[in-house]
Amino acid sequence: MAGRNSHHNTECNSASNWRAHKQLIELALSDGDVDDPHLVTYVESHGTGTAVGDSIEARGIGEALGKICSTTD
């Protein structure tokens, strides 16, 4: 894995990958046996501090939790 961003499987850290964020959140919810997304009341993430990076990270969160909410409501 040398030379790779292990969190997003990209060659560099120039931009996050919203799909990787989504998959990580879905995995964490599954591992934690959280089947009701309404139980998630707080999300902390390490944003890049840029308009591009933060919006990508926010999209990953929204895609993961939004998908769950739309299928359970």
Protein backbone atom coordinates (compact mmCIF):
# COMPACT_ATOMS: atom_id res chain seq x y z
CA MET A 1 0.00 0.00 0.00
CA ALA A 2 2.98 2.34 -0.09
CA GLY A 3 2.09 5.51 -1.95
CA ARG A 4 -1.65 5.07 -1.53
CA ASN A 5 -4.23 6.75 0.63
CA SER A 6 -5.49 3.69 2.46
CA HIS A 7 -8.76 5.35 3.41
CA HIS A 8 -9.89 6.22 -0.11
CA ASN A 9 -7.78 4.04 -2.41
CA THR A 10 -6.45 6.98 -4.39
CA GLU A 11 -2.93 7.81 -5.49
CA CYS A 12 -2.75 11.01 -3.45
CA ASN A 13 -4.66 13.04 -0.88
CA SER A 14 -5.81 15.74 -3.30
CA ALA A 15 -9.50 14.92 -2.82
CA SER A 16 -11.56 12.54 -0.76
CA ASN A 17 -13.81 9.88 -2.20
CA TRP A 18 -17.45 10.17 -1.11
CA ARG A 19 -18.11 6.53 -1.98
CA ALA A 20 -15.37 5.44 0.44
CA HIS A 21 -16.90 7.58 3.19
CA LYS A 22 -20.32 6.08 2.47
CA GLN A 23 -19.00 2.53 2.57
CA LEU A 24 -17.14 3.15 5.81
CA ILE A 25 -20.24 4.57 7.50
CA GLU A 26 -22.38 1.67 6.27
CA LEU A 27 -19.81 -0.79 7.58
CA ALA A 28 -19.62 0.96 10.96
CA LEU A 29 -23.41 0.95 11.28
CA SER A 30 -23.54 -2.73 10.38
CA ASP A 31 -20.71 -3.65 12.75
CA GLY A 32 -22.42 -1.70 15.53
CA ASP A 33 -25.79 -3.35 14.85
CA VAL A 34 -27.33 0.08 14.30
CA ASP A 35 -30.41 -0.61 12.22
CA ASP A 36 -32.25 2.63 12.99
CA PRO A 37 -30.47 5.66 11.51
CA HIS A 38 -32.44 7.91 13.85
CA LEU A 39 -30.23 6.59 16.65
CA VAL A 40 -27.29 8.41 15.05
CA THR A 41 -27.34 11.78 16.75
CA TYR A 42 -23.76 12.89 16.26
CA VAL A 43 -21.24 12.47 13.47
CA GLU A 44 -17.65 13.61 13.84
CA SER A 45 -15.35 13.60 10.87
CA HIS A 46 -11.93 14.89 10.00
CA GLY A 47 -12.68 17.36 7.25
CA THR A 48 -10.01 18.69 4.96
CA GLY A 49 -10.97 22.27 5.64
CA THR A 50 -11.56 22.94 1.96
CA ALA A 51 -14.74 23.51 0.01
CA VAL A 52 -13.98 20.50 -2.18
CA GLY A 53 -12.92 18.04 0.54
CA ASP A 54 -15.56 18.96 3.10
CA SER A 55 -18.40 18.79 0.59
CA ILE A 56 -17.23 15.35 -0.57
CA GLU A 57 -17.11 14.11 3.01
CA ALA A 58 -20.56 15.57 3.70
CA ARG A 59 -21.93 13.86 0.60
CA GLY A 60 -20.63 10.50 1.82
CA ILE A 61 -22.37 10.99 5.17
CA GLY A 62 -25.57 12.09 3.46
CA GLU A 63 -25.53 9.23 0.98
CA ALA A 64 -25.03 6.64 3.74
CA LEU A 65 -27.55 7.97 6.23
CA GLY A 66 -29.99 9.28 3.64
CA LYS A 67 -30.20 5.91 1.93
CA ILE A 68 -30.92 4.21 5.22
CA CYS A 69 -33.49 6.79 6.27
CA SER A 70 -35.32 6.68 2.95
CA THR A 71 -35.68 2.90 3.12
CA THR A 72 -36.85 2.76 6.74
CA ASP A 73 -39.22 5.74 6.93
